PDB file of N, CA and C in Angstrom:
ATOM      1  N   UNK A   1     -32.620  88.666 396.252  1.00  0.00           N
ATOM      2  CA  UNK A   1     -33.999  89.210 396.576  1.00  0.00           C
ATOM      3  C   UNK A   1     -35.068  88.269 396.635  1.00  0.00           C
ATOM      4  N   UNK A   2     -35.976  88.476 397.462  1.00  0.00           N
ATOM      5  CA  UNK A   2     -37.255  87.430 397.442  1.00  0.00           C
ATOM      6  C   UNK A   2     -38.143  87.953 397.150  1.00  0.00           C
ATOM      7  N   UNK A   3     -39.469  86.884 396.793  1.00  0.00           N
ATOM      8  CA  UNK A   3     -40.822  86.872 395.619  1.00  0.00           C
ATOM      9  C   UNK A   3     -41.065  88.251 396.254  1.00  0.00           C
ATOM     10  N   UNK A   4     -41.320  88.746 397.700  1.00  0.00           N
ATOM     11  CA  UNK A   4     -42.038  90.126 397.958  1.00  0.00           C
ATOM     12  C   UNK A   4     -41.426  91.240 397.815  1.00  0.00           C
ATOM     13  N   UNK A   5     -40.208  91.182 397.396  1.00  0.00           N
ATOM     14  CA  UNK A   5     -39.416  92.637 396.604  1.00  0.00           C
ATOM     15  C   UNK A   5     -39.724  92.495 395.110  1.00  0.00           C
ATOM     16  N   UNK A   6     -39.634  91.282 394.420  1.00  0.00           N
ATOM     17  CA  UNK A   6     -39.903  91.246 393.287  1.00  0.00           C
ATOM     18  C   UNK A   6     -41.231  91.655 392.883  1.00  0.00           C
ATOM     19  N   UNK A   7     -42.214  91.062 393.933  1.00  0.00           N
ATOM     20  CA  UNK A   7     -43.790  91.577 393.638  1.00  0.00           C
ATOM     21  C   UNK A   7     -43.769  93.125 394.195  1.00  0.00           C
ATOM     22  N   UNK A   8     -43.261  93.484 394.879  1.00  0.00           N
ATOM     23  CA  UNK A   8     -43.206  95.189 395.024  1.00  0.00           C
ATOM     24  C   UNK A   8     -42.973  95.954 393.756  1.00  0.00           C
ATOM     25  N   UNK A   9     -41.767  95.381 393.160  1.00  0.00           N
ATOM     26  CA  UNK A   9     -41.312  96.154 392.035  1.00  0.00           C
ATOM     27  C   UNK A   9     -42.437  96.201 391.099  1.00  0.00           C
ATOM     28  N   UNK A  10     -43.054  94.949 390.872  1.00  0.00           N
ATOM     29  CA  UNK A  10     -44.098  94.894 389.931  1.00  0.00           C
ATOM     30  C   UNK A  10     -45.265  95.790 390.146  1.00  0.00           C
ATOM     31  N   UNK A  11     -45.828  96.017 391.161  1.00  0.00           N
ATOM     32  CA  UNK A  11     -46.640  96.519 392.011  1.00  0.00           C
ATOM     33  C   UNK A  11     -46.609  98.080 391.705  1.00  0.00           C
ATOM     34  N   UNK A  12     -44.957  98.417 391.843  1.00  0.00           N
ATOM     35  CA  UNK A  12     -44.644  99.864 391.627  1.00  0.00           C
ATOM     36  C   UNK A  12     -44.799  99.960 390.015  1.00  0.00           C
ATOM     37  N   UNK A  13     -44.513  99.238 389.115  1.00  0.00           N
ATOM     38  CA  UNK A  13     -44.658  99.386 387.759  1.00  0.00           C
ATOM     39  C   UNK A  13     -46.301  99.362 387.274  1.00  0.00           C
ATOM     40  N   UNK A  14     -46.989  98.813 387.823  1.00  0.00           N
ATOM     41  CA  UNK A  14     -48.253  98.950 387.646  1.00  0.00           C
ATOM     42  C   UNK A  14     -49.200 100.184 388.033  1.00  0.00           C
ATOM     43  N   UNK A  15     -48.647 100.567 389.098  1.00  0.00           N
ATOM     44  CA  UNK A  15     -48.858 101.934 389.818  1.00  0.00           C
ATOM     45  C   UNK A  15     -48.547 103.097 388.699  1.00  0.00           C
ATOM     46  N   UNK A  16     -47.355 103.019 388.388  1.00  0.00           N
ATOM     47  CA  UNK A  16     -46.915 104.117 387.219  1.00  0.00           C
ATOM     48  C   UNK A  16     -47.831 104.064 385.901  1.00  0.00           C
ATOM     49  N   UNK A  17     -48.230 102.680 385.710  1.00  0.00           N
ATOM     50  CA  UNK A  17     -48.887 102.685 384.544  1.00  0.00           C
ATOM     51  C   UNK A  17     -50.671 103.156 384.747  1.00  0.00           C
ATOM     52  N   UNK A  18     -50.831 103.156 385.824  1.00  0.00           N
ATOM     53  CA  UNK A  18     -51.986 103.450 386.307  1.00  0.00           C
ATOM     54  C   UNK A  18     -52.430 105.012 386.399  1.00  0.00           C
ATOM     55  N   UNK A  19     -51.238 105.567 386.876  1.00  0.00           N
ATOM     56  CA  UNK A  19     -51.008 106.815 386.781  1.00  0.00           C
ATOM     57  C   UNK A  19     -50.499 107.602 385.489  1.00  0.00           C
ATOM     58  N   UNK A  20     -50.569 106.796 384.756  1.00  0.00           N
ATOM     59  CA  UNK A  20     -50.459 107.524 383.292  1.00  0.00           C
ATOM     60  C   UNK A  20     -48.731 107.743 382.993  1.00  0.00           C
ATOM     61  N   UNK A  21     -47.646 107.016 383.554  1.00  0.00           N
ATOM     62  CA  UNK A  21     -46.385 107.239 383.589  1.00  0.00           C
ATOM     63  C   UNK A  21     -45.782 106.293 382.752  1.00  0.00           C
ATOM     64  N   UNK A  22     -46.259 105.873 381.704  1.00  0.00           N
ATOM     65  CA  UNK A  22     -45.486 104.683 380.882  1.00  0.00           C
ATOM     66  C   UNK A  22     -44.234 105.025 380.674  1.00  0.00           C
ATOM     67  N   UNK A  23     -43.648 106.075 380.474  1.00  0.00           N
ATOM     68  CA  UNK A  23     -42.624 106.491 380.001  1.00  0.00           C
ATOM     69  C   UNK A  23     -41.480 106.164 380.979  1.00  0.00           C
ATOM     70  N   UNK A  24     -42.148 105.780 382.324  1.00  0.00           N
ATOM     71  CA  UNK A  24     -40.871 105.642 383.510  1.00  0.00           C
ATOM     72  C   UNK A  24     -40.634 104.320 383.591  1.00  0.00           C
ATOM     73  N   UNK A  25     -41.479 103.618 382.782  1.00  0.00           N
ATOM     74  CA  UNK A  25     -41.188 102.089 383.093  1.00  0.00           C
ATOM     75  C   UNK A  25     -40.207 101.564 381.977  1.00  0.00           C
ATOM     76  N   UNK A  26     -39.313 100.958 381.917  1.00  0.00           N
ATOM     77  CA  UNK A  26     -38.355 100.724 381.073  1.00  0.00           C
ATOM     78  C   UNK A  26     -38.578  98.913 381.004  1.00  0.00           C
ATOM     79  N   UNK A  27     -38.677  98.883 379.942  1.00  0.00           N
ATOM     80  CA  UNK A  27     -39.216  97.349 379.451  1.00  0.00           C
ATOM     81  C   UNK A  27     -37.871  96.420 379.705  1.00  0.00           C
ATOM     82  N   UNK A  28     -36.843  96.875 379.777  1.00  0.00           N
ATOM     83  CA  UNK A  28     -35.275  96.178 380.122  1.00  0.00           C
ATOM     84  C   UNK A  28     -35.650  96.033 381.626  1.00  0.00           C
ATOM     85  N   UNK A  29     -35.927  96.822 382.595  1.00  0.00           N
ATOM     86  CA  UNK A  29     -36.172  96.532 384.074  1.00  0.00           C
ATOM     87  C   UNK A  29     -37.189  95.367 384.279  1.00  0.00           C
ATOM     88  N   UNK A  30     -38.310  95.625 383.588  1.00  0.00           N
ATOM     89  CA  UNK A  30     -39.491  94.582 383.581  1.00  0.00           C
ATOM     90  C   UNK A  30     -38.800  93.205 383.297  1.00  0.00           C
ATOM     91  N   UNK A  31     -37.799  93.405 382.404  1.00  0.00           N
ATOM     92  CA  UNK A  31     -37.434  91.895 381.496  1.00  0.00           C
ATOM     93  C   UNK A  31     -36.434  91.396 382.604  1.00  0.00           C
ATOM     94  N   UNK A  32     -35.622  92.244 383.400  1.00  0.00           N
ATOM     95  CA  UNK A  32     -34.809  91.851 384.355  1.00  0.00           C
ATOM     96  C   UNK A  32     -35.483  91.241 385.632  1.00  0.00           C
ATOM     97  N   UNK A  33     -36.872  91.731 385.919  1.00  0.00           N
ATOM     98  CA  UNK A  33     -37.335  91.277 386.993  1.00  0.00           C
ATOM     99  C   UNK A  33     -38.070  89.730 386.765  1.00  0.00           C
ATOM    100  N   UNK A  34     -38.324  89.658 385.628  1.00  0.00           N
ATOM    101  CA  UNK A  34     -38.811  88.581 384.750  1.00  0.00           C
ATOM    102  C   UNK A  34     -37.982  87.256 385.021  1.00  0.00           C
ATOM    103  N   UNK A  35     -36.550  87.824 384.426  1.00  0.00           N
ATOM    104  CA  UNK A  35     -35.533  86.649 384.467  1.00  0.00           C
ATOM    105  C   UNK A  35     -35.364  86.224 385.950  1.00  0.00           C
ATOM    106  N   UNK A  36     -35.435  86.954 386.741  1.00  0.00           N
ATOM    107  CA  UNK A  36     -35.094  86.691 388.328  1.00  0.00           C
ATOM    108  C   UNK A  36     -35.995  86.091 388.734  1.00  0.00           C
ATOM    109  N   UNK A  37     -37.546  86.315 388.637  1.00  0.00           N
ATOM    110  CA  UNK A  37     -38.041  85.469 389.006  1.00  0.00           C
ATOM    111  C   UNK A  37     -38.267  84.073 388.404  1.00  0.00           C
ATOM    112  N   UNK A  38     -37.910  84.080 387.232  1.00  0.00           N
ATOM    113  CA  UNK A  38     -37.979  82.583 386.842  1.00  0.00           C
ATOM    114  C   UNK A  38     -36.739  81.599 387.144  1.00  0.00           C
ATOM    115  N   UNK A  39     -35.322  82.607 387.480  1.00  0.00           N
ATOM    116  CA  UNK A  39     -34.196  82.009 388.366  1.00  0.00           C
ATOM    117  C   UNK A  39     -34.750  81.470 389.893  1.00  0.00           C
ATOM    118  N   UNK A  40     -35.567  82.177 390.283  1.00  0.00           N
ATOM    119  CA  UNK A  40     -35.984  82.030 391.617  1.00  0.00           C
ATOM    120  C   UNK A  40     -36.842  80.833 391.745  1.00  0.00           C
ATOM    121  N   UNK A  41     -37.661  80.796 390.664  1.00  0.00           N
ATOM    122  CA  UNK A  41     -38.437  79.741 390.519  1.00  0.00           C
ATOM    123  C   UNK A  41     -37.799  78.197 390.158  1.00  0.00           C
ATOM    124  N   UNK A  42     -36.794  78.620 389.344  1.00  0.00           N
ATOM    125  CA  UNK A  42     -36.195  77.179 389.307  1.00  0.00           C
ATOM    126  C   UNK A  42     -35.146  77.005 390.458  1.00  0.00           C
ATOM    127  N   UNK A  43     -34.614  77.817 391.581  1.00  0.00           N
ATOM    128  CA  UNK A  43     -34.120  77.373 392.540  1.00  0.00           C
ATOM    129  C   UNK A  43     -35.379  76.633 393.333  1.00  0.00           C
ATOM    130  N   UNK A  44     -36.521  77.118 393.548  1.00  0.00           N
ATOM    131  CA  UNK A  44     -37.626  76.742 394.175  1.00  0.00           C
ATOM    132  C   UNK A  44     -37.643  75.079 393.863  1.00  0.00           C
ATOM    133  N   UNK A  45     -37.684  74.962 392.385  1.00  0.00           N
ATOM    134  CA  UNK A  45     -38.081  73.475 391.939  1.00  0.00           C
ATOM    135  C   UNK A  45     -37.209  72.626 392.355  1.00  0.00           C
ATOM    136  N   UNK A  46     -36.033  73.050 392.239  1.00  0.00           N
ATOM    137  CA  UNK A  46     -34.303  71.858 392.480  1.00  0.00           C
ATOM    138  C   UNK A  46     -34.523  71.872 394.169  1.00  0.00           C
ATOM    139  N   UNK A  47     -35.026  73.043 394.915  1.00  0.00           N
ATOM    140  CA  UNK A  47     -34.922  72.750 396.373  1.00  0.00           C
ATOM    141  C   UNK A  47     -36.302  71.740 396.650  1.00  0.00           C
ATOM    142  N   UNK A  48     -37.382  71.949 395.879  1.00  0.00           N
ATOM    143  CA  UNK A  48     -38.602  70.571 396.225  1.00  0.00           C
ATOM    144  C   UNK A  48     -38.053  69.283 395.770  1.00  0.00           C
ATOM    145  N   UNK A  49     -37.158  69.169 394.657  1.00  0.00           N
ATOM    146  CA  UNK A  49     -36.542  67.897 394.372  1.00  0.00           C
ATOM    147  C   UNK A  49     -35.874  67.182 395.304  1.00  0.00           C
ATOM    148  N   UNK A  50     -34.932  68.285 395.839  1.00  0.00           N
ATOM    149  CA  UNK A  50     -33.986  67.569 396.939  1.00  0.00           C
ATOM    150  C   UNK A  50     -34.601  67.487 398.506  1.00  0.00           C
ATOM    151  N   UNK A  51     -35.558  68.092 398.658  1.00  0.00           N
ATOM    152  CA  UNK A  51     -36.418  68.128 400.018  1.00  0.00           C
ATOM    153  C   UNK A  51     -37.332  66.681 400.161  1.00  0.00           C
ATOM    154  N   UNK A  52     -37.003  66.165 401.194  1.00  0.00           N
ATOM    155  CA  UNK A  52     -37.783  65.017 401.862  1.00  0.00           C
ATOM    156  C   UNK A  52     -39.006  65.354 402.566  1.00  0.00           C
ATOM    157  N   UNK A  53     -39.223  65.982 403.510  1.00  0.00           N
ATOM    158  CA  UNK A  53     -40.133  66.679 404.449  1.00  0.00           C
ATOM    159  C   UNK A  53     -41.411  66.961 403.434  1.00  0.00           C
ATOM    160  N   UNK A  54     -42.379  66.391 403.520  1.00  0.00           N
ATOM    161  CA  UNK A  54     -43.823  66.868 402.937  1.00  0.00           C
ATOM    162  C   UNK A  54     -43.911  68.330 402.965  1.00  0.00           C
ATOM    163  N   UNK A  55     -43.816  68.490 404.413  1.00  0.00           N
ATOM    164  CA  UNK A  55     -44.497  70.242 405.044  1.00  0.00           C
ATOM    165  C   UNK A  55     -43.781  70.979 404.078  1.00  0.00           C
ATOM    166  N   UNK A  56     -42.656  70.659 404.256  1.00  0.00           N
ATOM    167  CA  UNK A  56     -41.500  71.883 403.513  1.00  0.00           C
ATOM    168  C   UNK A  56     -41.934  71.754 402.115  1.00  0.00           C
ATOM    169  N   UNK A  57     -42.103  70.393 401.300  1.00  0.00           N
ATOM    170  CA  UNK A  57     -42.249  70.609 399.943  1.00  0.00           C
ATOM    171  C   UNK A  57     -43.301  71.450 399.588  1.00  0.00           C
ATOM    172  N   UNK A  58     -44.534  71.298 400.002  1.00  0.00           N
ATOM    173  CA  UNK A  58     -45.690  71.862 400.171  1.00  0.00           C
ATOM    174  C   UNK A  58     -45.633  73.613 400.368  1.00  0.00           C
ATOM    175  N   UNK A  59     -44.720  73.938 400.888  1.00  0.00           N
ATOM    176  CA  UNK A  59     -44.517  75.499 401.214  1.00  0.00           C
ATOM    177  C   UNK A  59     -43.649  75.918 400.067  1.00  0.00           C
ATOM    178  N   UNK A  60     -42.784  75.082 399.648  1.00  0.00           N
ATOM    179  CA  UNK A  60     -41.964  75.592 398.424  1.00  0.00           C
ATOM    180  C   UNK A  60     -43.083  75.551 397.266  1.00  0.00           C
ATOM    181  N   UNK A  61     -43.947  74.547 396.903  1.00  0.00           N
ATOM    182  CA  UNK A  61     -44.746  74.688 395.838  1.00  0.00           C
ATOM    183  C   UNK A  61     -45.340  75.790 395.922  1.00  0.00           C
ATOM    184  N   UNK A  62     -46.313  76.283 397.105  1.00  0.00           N
ATOM    185  CA  UNK A  62     -46.944  77.290 397.372  1.00  0.00           C
ATOM    186  C   UNK A  62     -45.869  78.827 396.848  1.00  0.00           C
ATOM    187  N   UNK A  63     -44.904  78.446 397.196  1.00  0.00           N
ATOM    188  CA  UNK A  63     -43.989  79.953 396.847  1.00  0.00           C
ATOM    189  C   UNK A  63     -43.647  79.850 395.067  1.00  0.00           C
ATOM    190  N   UNK A  64     -43.436  78.573 394.579  1.00  0.00           N
ATOM    191  CA  UNK A  64     -43.364  78.238 393.255  1.00  0.00           C
ATOM    192  C   UNK A  64     -44.736  78.854 392.579  1.00  0.00           C
ATOM    193  N   UNK A  65     -45.768  78.637 392.922  1.00  0.00           N
ATOM    194  CA  UNK A  65     -46.925  79.249 392.443  1.00  0.00           C
ATOM    195  C   UNK A  65     -47.245  80.559 392.485  1.00  0.00           C
ATOM    196  N   UNK A  66     -46.647  81.281 393.398  1.00  0.00           N
ATOM    197  CA  UNK A  66     -46.831  82.749 393.802  1.00  0.00           C
ATOM    198  C   UNK A  66     -45.604  83.212 392.627  1.00  0.00           C
ATOM    199  N   UNK A  67     -44.470  82.496 392.457  1.00  0.00           N
ATOM    200  CA  UNK A  67     -43.764  82.942 391.542  1.00  0.00           C
ATOM    201  C   UNK A  67     -44.105  83.124 389.995  1.00  0.00           C
ATOM    202  N   UNK A  68     -44.773  81.956 389.849  1.00  0.00           N
ATOM    203  CA  UNK A  68     -45.546  82.006 388.598  1.00  0.00           C
ATOM    204  C   UNK A  68     -46.633  83.110 388.164  1.00  0.00           C
ATOM    205  N   UNK A  69     -47.057  83.460 389.614  1.00  0.00           N
ATOM    206  CA  UNK A  69     -48.322  84.557 389.213  1.00  0.00           C
ATOM    207  C   UNK A  69     -47.750  85.707 388.967  1.00  0.00           C
ATOM    208  N   UNK A  70     -46.477  85.965 389.582  1.00  0.00           N
ATOM    209  CA  UNK A  70     -46.015  87.195 389.416  1.00  0.00           C
ATOM    210  C   UNK A  70     -45.035  87.395 388.097  1.00  0.00           C
ATOM    211  N   UNK A  71     -44.363  86.185 387.549  1.00  0.00           N
ATOM    212  CA  UNK A  71     -44.091  86.085 385.928  1.00  0.00           C
ATOM    213  C   UNK A  71     -45.132  86.861 385.155  1.00  0.00           C
ATOM    214  N   UNK A  72     -46.496  86.085 385.293  1.00  0.00           N
ATOM    215  CA  UNK A  72     -47.374  86.208 384.473  1.00  0.00           C
ATOM    216  C   UNK A  72     -47.924  87.538 384.425  1.00  0.00           C
ATOM    217  N   UNK A  73     -47.709  88.266 385.671  1.00  0.00           N
ATOM    218  CA  UNK A  73     -48.285  89.845 385.982  1.00  0.00           C
ATOM    219  C   UNK A  73     -46.957  90.611 385.321  1.00  0.00           C
ATOM    220  N   UNK A  74     -45.761  90.101 385.110  1.00  0.00           N
ATOM    221  CA  UNK A  74     -44.769  91.083 384.972  1.00  0.00           C
ATOM    222  C   UNK A  74     -44.947  90.963 383.326  1.00  0.00           C
ATOM    223  N   UNK A  75     -45.317  89.775 382.644  1.00  0.00           N
ATOM    224  CA  UNK A  75     -45.464  89.589 381.224  1.00  0.00           C
ATOM    225  C   UNK A  75     -46.594  90.348 380.676  1.00  0.00           C
ATOM    226  N   UNK A  76     -47.757  90.459 381.610  1.00  0.00           N
ATOM    227  CA  UNK A  76     -48.670  91.345 381.135  1.00  0.00           C
ATOM    228  C   UNK A  76     -48.249  92.786 381.298  1.00  0.00           C
ATOM    229  N   UNK A  77     -47.744  93.126 382.152  1.00  0.00           N
ATOM    230  CA  UNK A  77     -47.160  94.838 382.016  1.00  0.00           C
ATOM    231  C   UNK A  77     -46.536  94.671 380.562  1.00  0.00           C
ATOM    232  N   UNK A  78     -45.755  93.903 380.768  1.00  0.00           N
ATOM    233  CA  UNK A  78     -44.544  94.039 379.400  1.00  0.00           C
ATOM    234  C   UNK A  78     -45.700  94.294 377.910  1.00  0.00           C
ATOM    235  N   UNK A  79     -46.648  93.677 377.923  1.00  0.00           N
ATOM    236  CA  UNK A  79     -47.767  93.807 377.057  1.00  0.00           C
ATOM    237  C   UNK A  79     -48.252  95.101 377.265  1.00  0.00           C
ATOM    238  N   UNK A  80     -48.579  95.497 378.288  1.00  0.00           N
ATOM    239  CA  UNK A  80     -49.662  96.793 378.585  1.00  0.00           C
ATOM    240  C   UNK A  80     -48.389  97.966 377.658  1.00  0.00           C
ATOM    241  N   UNK A  81     -47.505  98.007 378.011  1.00  0.00           N
ATOM    242  CA  UNK A  81     -46.478  99.214 378.139  1.00  0.00           C
ATOM    243  C   UNK A  81     -46.017  99.115 376.319  1.00  0.00           C
ATOM    244  N   UNK A  82     -46.429  97.808 375.759  1.00  0.00           N
ATOM    245  CA  UNK A  82     -46.077  97.955 374.468  1.00  0.00           C
ATOM    246  C   UNK A  82     -44.884  97.206 373.956  1.00  0.00           C
ATOM    247  N   UNK A  83     -44.182  96.393 374.872  1.00  0.00           N
ATOM    248  CA  UNK A  83     -42.864  95.701 374.809  1.00  0.00           C
ATOM    249  C   UNK A  83     -43.340  94.192 374.780  1.00  0.00           C
ATOM    250  N   UNK A  84     -42.377  93.647 373.526  1.00  0.00           N
ATOM    251  CA  UNK A  84     -43.016  92.342 373.526  1.00  0.00           C
ATOM    252  C   UNK A  84     -42.461  91.353 374.678  1.00  0.00           C
ATOM    253  N   UNK A  85     -43.111  90.317 375.295  1.00  0.00           N
ATOM    254  CA  UNK A  85     -42.761  89.274 376.168  1.00  0.00           C
ATOM    255  C   UNK A  85     -41.673  88.329 375.938  1.00  0.00           C
ATOM    256  N   UNK A  86     -40.652  88.453 376.807  1.00  0.00           N
ATOM    257  CA  UNK A  86     -39.509  87.413 375.948  1.00  0.00           C
ATOM    258  C   UNK A  86     -39.768  86.137 376.494  1.00  0.00           C
ATOM    259  N   UNK A  87     -39.727  85.161 376.098  1.00  0.00           N
ATOM    260  CA  UNK A  87     -39.863  83.665 376.522  1.00  0.00           C
ATOM    261  C   UNK A  87     -38.573  83.156 376.725  1.00  0.00           C
ATOM    262  N   UNK A  88     -38.451  82.139 377.256  1.00  0.00           N
ATOM    263  CA  UNK A  88     -37.231  81.555 377.816  1.00  0.00           C
ATOM    264  C   UNK A  88     -36.608  80.735 376.657  1.00  0.00           C
ATOM    265  N   UNK A  89     -37.515  80.048 375.608  1.00  0.00           N
ATOM    266  CA  UNK A  89     -37.090  79.418 374.578  1.00  0.00           C
ATOM    267  C   UNK A  89     -37.319  80.055 373.296  1.00  0.00           C
ATOM    268  N   UNK A  90     -36.451  80.620 372.604  1.00  0.00           N
ATOM    269  CA  UNK A  90     -36.453  81.391 371.501  1.00  0.00           C
ATOM    270  C   UNK A  90     -36.781  80.609 370.226  1.00  0.00           C
ATOM    271  N   UNK A  91     -37.315  81.129 369.407  1.00  0.00           N
ATOM    272  CA  UNK A  91     -37.525  80.760 368.260  1.00  0.00           C
ATOM    273  C   UNK A  91     -36.354  80.739 367.196  1.00  0.00           C
ATOM    274  N   UNK A  92     -36.098  79.751 366.659  1.00  0.00           N
ATOM    275  CA  UNK A  92     -35.076  79.676 365.632  1.00  0.00           C
ATOM    276  C   UNK A  92     -35.514  80.632 364.180  1.00  0.00           C
ATOM    277  N   UNK A  93     -34.308  81.434 363.905  1.00  0.00           N
ATOM    278  CA  UNK A  93     -34.673  82.493 362.884  1.00  0.00           C
ATOM    279  C   UNK A  93     -34.525  81.737 361.295  1.00  0.00           C
ATOM    280  N   UNK A  94     -35.272  82.075 360.507  1.00  0.00           N
ATOM    281  CA  UNK A  94     -35.256  81.353 359.532  1.00  0.00           C
ATOM    282  C   UNK A  94     -34.588  81.860 358.478  1.00  0.00           C
TER     283      UNK A  94
END
């Protein structure tokens, strides 16, 4: 799935939130989208490192910024529906 599809999913969740249909938004679904966006971002980063052509690097960097923005929006959505945003690095339990 491309960045556009993930953005559409997040937009759909925000639309539900604005319509007062918070109960229809499952935190686990939003978390899955965040995980997929992070995976996509890592793929883009790996591709940038392997790319020689500067114009392609610039295009991939723009895509990576878009992925970052969608991740932020999805994390904000999780906060608004009352679910804690999950981070990649988890704190050790004391």
